[in-house]
C-alpha cells in the first residue's frame, strides 16, 4: 500500500527533472517539441509529494504509443490517456513512484492549464504556501488513502487553476 507523503521542497527535484528530461529527449526525439517541469516539485519552496511531474509536448500524440517499449526500458508503465482525452500518461515506480510523465500534442489546452498553475504558484508565494500546507494536512489525514487525499484537495486546486488561467492569459 502506497503511503501519501508530502515533504518540504527538495533542491534535487530540479536535477531529477533534468536527468529524466535527457532520457525522454532520446526516446521521443522524432516527435518532441519541448519538455516542461510541472506540478509542485517545479515550484521552489512548495511542499510536495516527492514525484517529479514532466510534461513533454509532441507534434503527434498518435505516435507516442509506438514508444511504449522504450518507456518500459526506462522503468515507466504506460497508462494510455488515463482519464484525460488527448494525453498519454506514464508512471515510474509502484509503491515508491518517482516520476509522472504527461504527454500532450501541441495546442492541447491542458498544456496551458499545467503551465499556468505552475507559473502562478511561482509568482504568488502566499497561495503556494497555503496550497503546500493544505497538502501536508491532507497527507496527515489520509496517509494510506490517495483517493481521499486527491478528492479533498481537488476543490482548492480548481480554485487556484481558475485564478492562474486568468493571470496567465493576461501575461500572454
Protein backbone atom coordinates (compact mmCIF):
# COMPACT_ATOMS: atom_id res chain seq x y z
CA UNK A 1 0.00 0.00 0.00
CA UNK A 2 1.36 3.37 -1.04
CA UNK A 3 1.71 5.99 1.69
CA UNK A 4 0.83 9.62 0.95
CA UNK A 5 3.94 11.64 1.80
CA UNK A 6 4.27 15.40 1.46
CA UNK A 7 7.70 16.89 2.15
CA UNK A 8 9.36 20.28 2.09
CA UNK A 9 10.82 21.39 -1.23
CA UNK A 10 13.96 19.45 -2.21
CA UNK A 11 16.65 21.05 -4.40
CA UNK A 12 17.36 17.67 -6.03
CA UNK A 13 13.94 17.70 -7.71
CA UNK A 14 15.23 20.13 -10.34
CA UNK A 15 18.26 17.92 -11.02
CA UNK A 16 16.00 14.86 -11.16
CA UNK A 17 13.88 16.62 -13.76
CA UNK A 18 16.94 17.47 -15.87
CA UNK A 19 18.28 13.91 -15.75
CA UNK A 20 14.94 12.41 -16.73
CA UNK A 21 14.48 15.00 -19.47
CA UNK A 22 17.71 13.87 -21.12
CA UNK A 23 16.36 10.31 -21.24
CA UNK A 24 12.95 11.37 -22.57
CA UNK A 25 14.55 13.51 -25.27
CA UNK A 26 16.23 10.37 -26.63
CA UNK A 27 13.01 8.34 -26.55
CA UNK A 28 10.77 10.93 -28.22
CA UNK A 29 13.34 12.79 -30.33
CA UNK A 30 11.41 12.22 -33.56
CA UNK A 31 8.19 13.90 -32.30
CA UNK A 32 9.31 16.08 -29.37
CA UNK A 33 8.80 19.85 -29.37
CA UNK A 34 9.55 20.78 -25.74
CA UNK A 35 9.61 19.42 -22.18
CA UNK A 36 8.39 21.23 -19.05
CA UNK A 37 8.79 20.56 -15.33
CA UNK A 38 5.28 20.91 -13.88
CA UNK A 39 3.48 20.20 -10.64
CA UNK A 40 4.52 21.01 -7.13
CA UNK A 41 8.12 19.79 -7.45
CA UNK A 42 8.61 22.55 -10.06
CA UNK A 43 7.83 25.33 -7.55
CA UNK A 44 10.65 26.29 -5.19
CA UNK A 45 9.71 26.18 -1.50
CA UNK A 46 6.40 24.39 -2.17
CA UNK A 47 5.67 21.29 -0.12
CA UNK A 48 5.02 18.35 -2.41
CA UNK A 49 4.70 14.64 -2.84
CA UNK A 50 8.22 13.68 -4.00
CA UNK A 51 7.09 12.72 -7.51
CA UNK A 52 8.52 14.73 -10.39
CA UNK A 53 5.88 15.64 -12.98
CA UNK A 54 7.13 16.11 -16.53
CA UNK A 55 5.16 17.46 -19.49
CA UNK A 56 6.58 16.70 -22.93
CA UNK A 57 4.87 18.45 -25.83
CA UNK A 58 4.86 16.49 -29.09
CA UNK A 59 3.76 17.16 -32.64
CA UNK A 60 1.86 13.86 -32.99
CA UNK A 61 0.12 12.32 -29.95
CA UNK A 62 -0.90 9.29 -32.00
CA UNK A 63 2.78 8.34 -32.36
CA UNK A 64 3.52 8.27 -28.61
CA UNK A 65 2.27 4.71 -28.10
CA UNK A 66 4.89 3.37 -30.51
CA UNK A 67 7.49 4.44 -27.91
CA UNK A 68 5.97 2.41 -25.04
CA UNK A 69 8.67 -0.29 -25.15
CA UNK A 70 11.41 2.33 -24.75
CA UNK A 71 9.49 3.80 -21.82
CA UNK A 72 9.23 0.33 -20.23
CA UNK A 73 13.00 0.05 -20.55
CA UNK A 74 13.34 3.31 -18.57
CA UNK A 75 11.11 1.88 -15.83
CA UNK A 76 7.84 3.51 -16.84
CA UNK A 77 4.39 1.95 -17.03
CA UNK A 78 2.31 3.31 -19.93
CA UNK A 79 -1.28 4.01 -18.87
CA UNK A 80 -2.72 5.50 -22.07
CA UNK A 81 -4.93 8.55 -21.68
CA UNK A 82 -5.55 7.69 -18.01
CA UNK A 83 -8.76 9.70 -17.78
CA UNK A 84 -7.76 12.73 -19.85
CA UNK A 85 -8.58 12.64 -23.54
CA UNK A 86 -5.62 13.56 -25.73
CA UNK A 87 -2.97 12.74 -23.10
CA UNK A 88 -0.52 9.87 -22.74
CA UNK A 89 0.40 9.18 -19.13
CA UNK A 90 3.33 7.18 -17.74
CA UNK A 91 4.28 6.44 -14.14
CA UNK A 92 7.68 5.36 -12.88
CA UNK A 93 7.73 3.20 -9.76
CA UNK A 94 4.94 1.37 -7.97
CA UNK A 95 4.80 1.97 -4.21
CA UNK A 96 7.72 4.41 -4.48
CA UNK A 97 6.78 6.47 -7.51
CA UNK A 98 9.44 8.88 -8.67
CA UNK A 99 8.11 10.40 -11.90
CA UNK A 100 4.90 11.02 -13.80
CA UNK A 101 5.04 11.89 -17.50
CA UNK A 102 2.04 13.68 -19.04
CA UNK A 103 2.42 13.94 -22.83
CA UNK A 104 0.23 16.25 -24.91
CA UNK A 105 0.17 17.28 -28.53
CA UNK A 106 0.97 20.95 -29.20
CA UNK A 107 -2.17 23.07 -28.93
CA UNK A 108 -3.87 20.93 -26.28
CA UNK A 109 -5.42 23.31 -23.66
CA UNK A 110 -4.14 21.11 -20.81
CA UNK A 111 -0.63 22.35 -21.58
CA UNK A 112 -1.56 25.94 -20.68
CA UNK A 113 -3.51 24.72 -17.63
CA UNK A 114 -0.42 22.99 -16.25
CA UNK A 115 1.97 25.82 -17.09
CA UNK A 116 -0.40 28.48 -15.73
CA UNK A 117 -0.80 26.61 -12.45
CA UNK A 118 2.97 26.20 -12.05
CA UNK A 119 3.81 29.78 -13.00
CA UNK A 120 1.04 31.23 -10.84
CA UNK A 121 2.34 29.39 -7.77
CA UNK A 122 5.89 30.53 -8.58
CA UNK A 123 4.68 34.14 -8.70
CA UNK A 124 2.27 34.00 -5.72
CA UNK A 125 4.18 32.67 -2.73
CA UNK A 126 1.29 33.07 -0.26
CA UNK A 127 -1.00 30.93 -2.42
CA UNK A 128 1.80 28.39 -2.81
CA UNK A 129 2.24 28.27 0.97
CA UNK A 130 -1.49 27.77 1.53
CA UNK A 131 -1.53 25.01 -1.08
CA UNK A 132 1.50 23.29 0.46
CA UNK A 133 0.01 23.49 3.94
CA UNK A 134 -3.27 22.05 2.66
CA UNK A 135 -1.46 19.10 1.05
CA UNK A 136 0.58 18.47 4.17
CA UNK A 137 -2.56 18.46 6.34
CA UNK A 138 -4.36 16.12 3.93
CA UNK A 139 -1.39 13.72 3.89
CA UNK A 140 -1.69 13.50 7.67
CA UNK A 141 -5.47 12.98 7.47
CA UNK A 142 -5.27 10.34 4.71
CA UNK A 143 -1.85 8.66 4.97
CA UNK A 144 -2.91 5.50 3.10
CA UNK A 145 -5.85 6.81 1.09
CA UNK A 146 -4.57 8.61 -2.02
CA UNK A 147 -8.09 8.82 -3.49
CA UNK A 148 -9.41 10.81 -0.50
CA UNK A 149 -6.26 12.95 -0.50
CA UNK A 150 -6.81 13.85 -4.16
CA UNK A 151 -10.57 14.36 -3.77
CA UNK A 152 -10.13 16.67 -0.78
CA UNK A 153 -7.54 18.87 -2.46
CA UNK A 154 -9.40 19.00 -5.79
CA UNK A 155 -11.66 21.97 -4.97
CA UNK A 156 -8.69 24.02 -3.74
CA UNK A 157 -6.71 23.11 -6.89
CA UNK A 158 -9.62 24.09 -9.16
CA UNK A 159 -9.86 27.50 -7.43
CA UNK A 160 -6.17 28.13 -7.96
CA UNK A 161 -6.40 26.90 -11.56
CA UNK A 162 -9.15 29.42 -12.36
CA UNK A 163 -7.12 32.29 -10.90
CA UNK A 164 -3.97 31.00 -12.60
CA UNK A 165 -5.55 30.77 -16.05
CA UNK A 166 -6.89 34.35 -15.87
CA UNK A 167 -3.49 35.55 -14.67
CA UNK A 168 -1.65 33.52 -17.33
CA UNK A 169 -3.86 34.75 -20.16
CA UNK A 170 -3.20 38.33 -19.03
CA UNK A 171 0.54 37.71 -19.31
CA UNK A 172 0.40 36.28 -22.85
